[in-house]
């Protein structure tokens, strides 16, 4: 601001400044609301993934326990097949890695025991 703006401030200039501040505040609130919605969406996605992991853990434990108790498969056989499946994706990291960026993200299996 220069000398004249400081000493001869007009109502019009003040009104313009107030409106500018209101617009800035409204834009800031919109951005904050967008961020909050994004966080809510991420939290819901995390909860869904945690639910899927828990279901898969239960299924895996059930299958492995059943196979072990029935004597159908030896633990060494399971380890061998797991290693083979792990290596099949090209990355031996103890998990099933997606094949590439063109592979769509999984919504997770629908686990129905019966």
C-alpha atoms as a PDB file:
ATOM      1  CA  UNK A   1       0.000   0.000   0.000  1.00  0.00           C
ATOM      2  CA  UNK A   2       1.224   3.478  -0.709  1.00  0.00           C
ATOM      3  CA  UNK A   3       0.813   6.704   1.276  1.00  0.00           C
ATOM      4  CA  UNK A   4      -2.551   7.670  -0.270  1.00  0.00           C
ATOM      5  CA  UNK A   5      -4.048   4.221   0.219  1.00  0.00           C
ATOM      6  CA  UNK A   6      -3.045   4.278   3.876  1.00  0.00           C
ATOM      7  CA  UNK A   7      -4.482   7.677   4.774  1.00  0.00           C
ATOM      8  CA  UNK A   8      -7.422   7.850   2.386  1.00  0.00           C
ATOM      9  CA  UNK A   9      -8.793   4.339   2.556  1.00  0.00           C
ATOM     10  CA  UNK A  10     -12.247   4.167   1.008  1.00  0.00           C
ATOM     11  CA  UNK A  11     -15.284   2.111   1.963  1.00  0.00           C
ATOM     12  CA  UNK A  12     -15.159   0.534  -1.488  1.00  0.00           C
ATOM     13  CA  UNK A  13     -11.571  -0.624  -0.938  1.00  0.00           C
ATOM     14  CA  UNK A  14     -12.446  -2.030   2.487  1.00  0.00           C
ATOM     15  CA  UNK A  15     -15.475  -3.832   1.083  1.00  0.00           C
ATOM     16  CA  UNK A  16     -13.313  -5.303  -1.696  1.00  0.00           C
ATOM     17  CA  UNK A  17     -10.750  -6.490   0.875  1.00  0.00           C
ATOM     18  CA  UNK A  18     -13.481  -8.060   3.014  1.00  0.00           C
ATOM     19  CA  UNK A  19     -14.990  -9.861   0.021  1.00  0.00           C
ATOM     20  CA  UNK A  20     -11.565 -11.080  -1.027  1.00  0.00           C
ATOM     21  CA  UNK A  21     -10.974 -12.485   2.452  1.00  0.00           C
ATOM     22  CA  UNK A  22     -14.396 -14.157   2.450  1.00  0.00           C
ATOM     23  CA  UNK A  23     -13.663 -15.812  -0.893  1.00  0.00           C
ATOM     24  CA  UNK A  24     -10.260 -16.971   0.329  1.00  0.00           C
ATOM     25  CA  UNK A  25     -11.789 -18.413   3.485  1.00  0.00           C
ATOM     26  CA  UNK A  26     -14.535 -20.185   1.509  1.00  0.00           C
ATOM     27  CA  UNK A  27     -11.924 -21.712  -0.818  1.00  0.00           C
ATOM     28  CA  UNK A  28      -9.864 -22.825   2.178  1.00  0.00           C
ATOM     29  CA  UNK A  29     -12.924 -24.460   3.780  1.00  0.00           C
ATOM     30  CA  UNK A  30     -13.790 -26.264   0.533  1.00  0.00           C
ATOM     31  CA  UNK A  31     -10.242 -27.605   0.301  1.00  0.00           C
ATOM     32  CA  UNK A  32     -10.345 -28.704   3.943  1.00  0.00           C
ATOM     33  CA  UNK A  33     -13.676 -30.492   3.394  1.00  0.00           C
ATOM     34  CA  UNK A  34     -12.247 -32.266   0.326  1.00  0.00           C
ATOM     35  CA  UNK A  35      -9.280 -33.421   2.396  1.00  0.00           C
ATOM     36  CA  UNK A  36     -11.557 -34.677   5.180  1.00  0.00           C
ATOM     37  CA  UNK A  37     -13.698 -36.620   2.684  1.00  0.00           C
ATOM     38  CA  UNK A  38     -10.535 -38.090   1.189  1.00  0.00           C
ATOM     39  CA  UNK A  39      -9.344 -39.166   4.637  1.00  0.00           C
ATOM     40  CA  UNK A  40     -12.740 -40.743   5.354  1.00  0.00           C
ATOM     41  CA  UNK A  41     -12.574 -42.639   2.039  1.00  0.00           C
ATOM     42  CA  UNK A  42      -9.056 -43.832   2.837  1.00  0.00           C
ATOM     43  CA  UNK A  43     -10.082 -44.932   6.321  1.00  0.00           C
ATOM     44  CA  UNK A  44     -13.032 -46.894   4.909  1.00  0.00           C
ATOM     45  CA  UNK A  45     -10.710 -48.554   2.370  1.00  0.00           C
ATOM     46  CA  UNK A  46      -8.218 -49.455   5.115  1.00  0.00           C
ATOM     47  CA  UNK A  47     -10.994 -50.980   7.233  1.00  0.00           C
ATOM     48  CA  UNK A  48     -12.242 -53.029   4.261  1.00  0.00           C
ATOM     49  CA  UNK A  49      -8.711 -54.271   3.555  1.00  0.00           C
ATOM     50  CA  UNK A  50      -8.191 -55.188   7.210  1.00  0.00           C
ATOM     51  CA  UNK A  51     -11.440 -57.157   7.109  1.00  0.00           C
ATOM     52  CA  UNK A  52     -10.301 -58.996   3.965  1.00  0.00           C
ATOM     53  CA  UNK A  53      -6.905 -59.790   5.502  1.00  0.00           C
ATOM     54  CA  UNK A  54      -8.600 -61.194   8.601  1.00  0.00           C
ATOM     55  CA  UNK A  55     -10.906 -63.372   6.498  1.00  0.00           C
ATOM     56  CA  UNK A  56      -8.019 -64.630   4.368  1.00  0.00           C
ATOM     57  CA  UNK A  57      -5.938 -65.370   7.464  1.00  0.00           C
ATOM     58  CA  UNK A  58      -8.798 -67.443   8.877  1.00  0.00           C
ATOM     59  CA  UNK A  59      -9.261 -69.364   5.613  1.00  0.00           C
ATOM     60  CA  UNK A  60      -5.517 -70.055   5.317  1.00  0.00           C
ATOM     61  CA  UNK A  61      -5.245 -71.227   8.914  1.00  0.00           C
ATOM     62  CA  UNK A  62      -8.298 -73.439   8.456  1.00  0.00           C
ATOM     63  CA  UNK A  63      -6.976 -74.997   5.251  1.00  0.00           C
ATOM     64  CA  UNK A  64      -3.474 -75.578   6.594  1.00  0.00           C
ATOM     65  CA  UNK A  65      -4.757 -77.017   9.873  1.00  0.00           C
ATOM     66  CA  UNK A  66      -7.179 -79.319   8.058  1.00  0.00           C
ATOM     67  CA  UNK A  67      -4.487 -80.537   5.664  1.00  0.00           C
ATOM     68  CA  UNK A  68      -2.008 -81.087   8.497  1.00  0.00           C
ATOM     69  CA  UNK A  69      -4.494 -82.908  10.744  1.00  0.00           C
ATOM     70  CA  UNK A  70      -5.761 -85.131   7.939  1.00  0.00           C
ATOM     71  CA  UNK A  71      -2.216 -86.043   6.895  1.00  0.00           C
ATOM     72  CA  UNK A  72      -3.120 -85.250   3.289  1.00  0.00           C
ATOM     73  CA  UNK A  73      -0.176 -82.932   2.729  1.00  0.00           C
ATOM     74  CA  UNK A  74       3.165 -82.631   4.477  1.00  0.00           C
ATOM     75  CA  UNK A  75       4.333 -79.187   5.667  1.00  0.00           C
ATOM     76  CA  UNK A  76       7.356 -79.511   3.348  1.00  0.00           C
ATOM     77  CA  UNK A  77       5.042 -79.873   0.353  1.00  0.00           C
ATOM     78  CA  UNK A  78       3.170 -76.728   1.348  1.00  0.00           C
ATOM     79  CA  UNK A  79       6.429 -74.796   1.700  1.00  0.00           C
ATOM     80  CA  UNK A  80       7.613 -76.012  -1.703  1.00  0.00           C
ATOM     81  CA  UNK A  81       4.396 -74.995  -3.459  1.00  0.00           C
ATOM     82  CA  UNK A  82       4.350 -71.622  -1.678  1.00  0.00           C
ATOM     83  CA  UNK A  83       7.903 -70.918  -2.828  1.00  0.00           C
ATOM     84  CA  UNK A  84       7.027 -71.930  -6.404  1.00  0.00           C
ATOM     85  CA  UNK A  85       3.953 -69.661  -6.451  1.00  0.00           C
ATOM     86  CA  UNK A  86       5.941 -66.811  -4.894  1.00  0.00           C
ATOM     87  CA  UNK A  87       8.671 -67.128  -7.547  1.00  0.00           C
ATOM     88  CA  UNK A  88       6.130 -67.311 -10.398  1.00  0.00           C
ATOM     89  CA  UNK A  89       5.449 -63.566 -10.232  1.00  0.00           C
ATOM     90  CA  UNK A  90       9.145 -62.811 -10.688  1.00  0.00           C
ATOM     91  CA  UNK A  91       9.645 -61.418  -7.191  1.00  0.00           C
ATOM     92  CA  UNK A  92      10.529 -63.769  -4.342  1.00  0.00           C
ATOM     93  CA  UNK A  93       9.275 -61.695  -1.435  1.00  0.00           C
ATOM     94  CA  UNK A  94       6.980 -63.968   0.532  1.00  0.00           C
ATOM     95  CA  UNK A  95       3.804 -62.640  -1.035  1.00  0.00           C
ATOM     96  CA  UNK A  96       1.836 -62.729  -4.250  1.00  0.00           C
ATOM     97  CA  UNK A  97       2.862 -59.612  -6.139  1.00  0.00           C
ATOM     98  CA  UNK A  98       0.589 -58.117  -8.830  1.00  0.00           C
ATOM     99  CA  UNK A  99       1.905 -58.684 -12.341  1.00  0.00           C
ATOM    100  CA  UNK A 100       2.050 -55.058 -13.394  1.00  0.00           C
ATOM    101  CA  UNK A 101       0.322 -51.696 -13.649  1.00  0.00           C
ATOM    102  CA  UNK A 102      -2.178 -53.042 -16.196  1.00  0.00           C
ATOM    103  CA  UNK A 103      -3.485 -55.555 -13.671  1.00  0.00           C
ATOM    104  CA  UNK A 104      -6.574 -54.061 -12.014  1.00  0.00           C
ATOM    105  CA  UNK A 105      -6.607 -53.868  -8.228  1.00  0.00           C
ATOM    106  CA  UNK A 106      -8.455 -56.708  -6.605  1.00  0.00           C
ATOM    107  CA  UNK A 107     -11.617 -56.060  -4.657  1.00  0.00           C
ATOM    108  CA  UNK A 108     -10.714 -59.110  -2.641  1.00  0.00           C
ATOM    109  CA  UNK A 109     -12.192 -62.550  -2.744  1.00  0.00           C
ATOM    110  CA  UNK A 110     -15.719 -63.209  -1.672  1.00  0.00           C
ATOM    111  CA  UNK A 111     -15.176 -65.886   0.939  1.00  0.00           C
ATOM    112  CA  UNK A 112     -18.128 -68.183   1.410  1.00  0.00           C
ATOM    113  CA  UNK A 113     -17.355 -71.327   3.381  1.00  0.00           C
ATOM    114  CA  UNK A 114     -20.527 -73.130   2.284  1.00  0.00           C
END
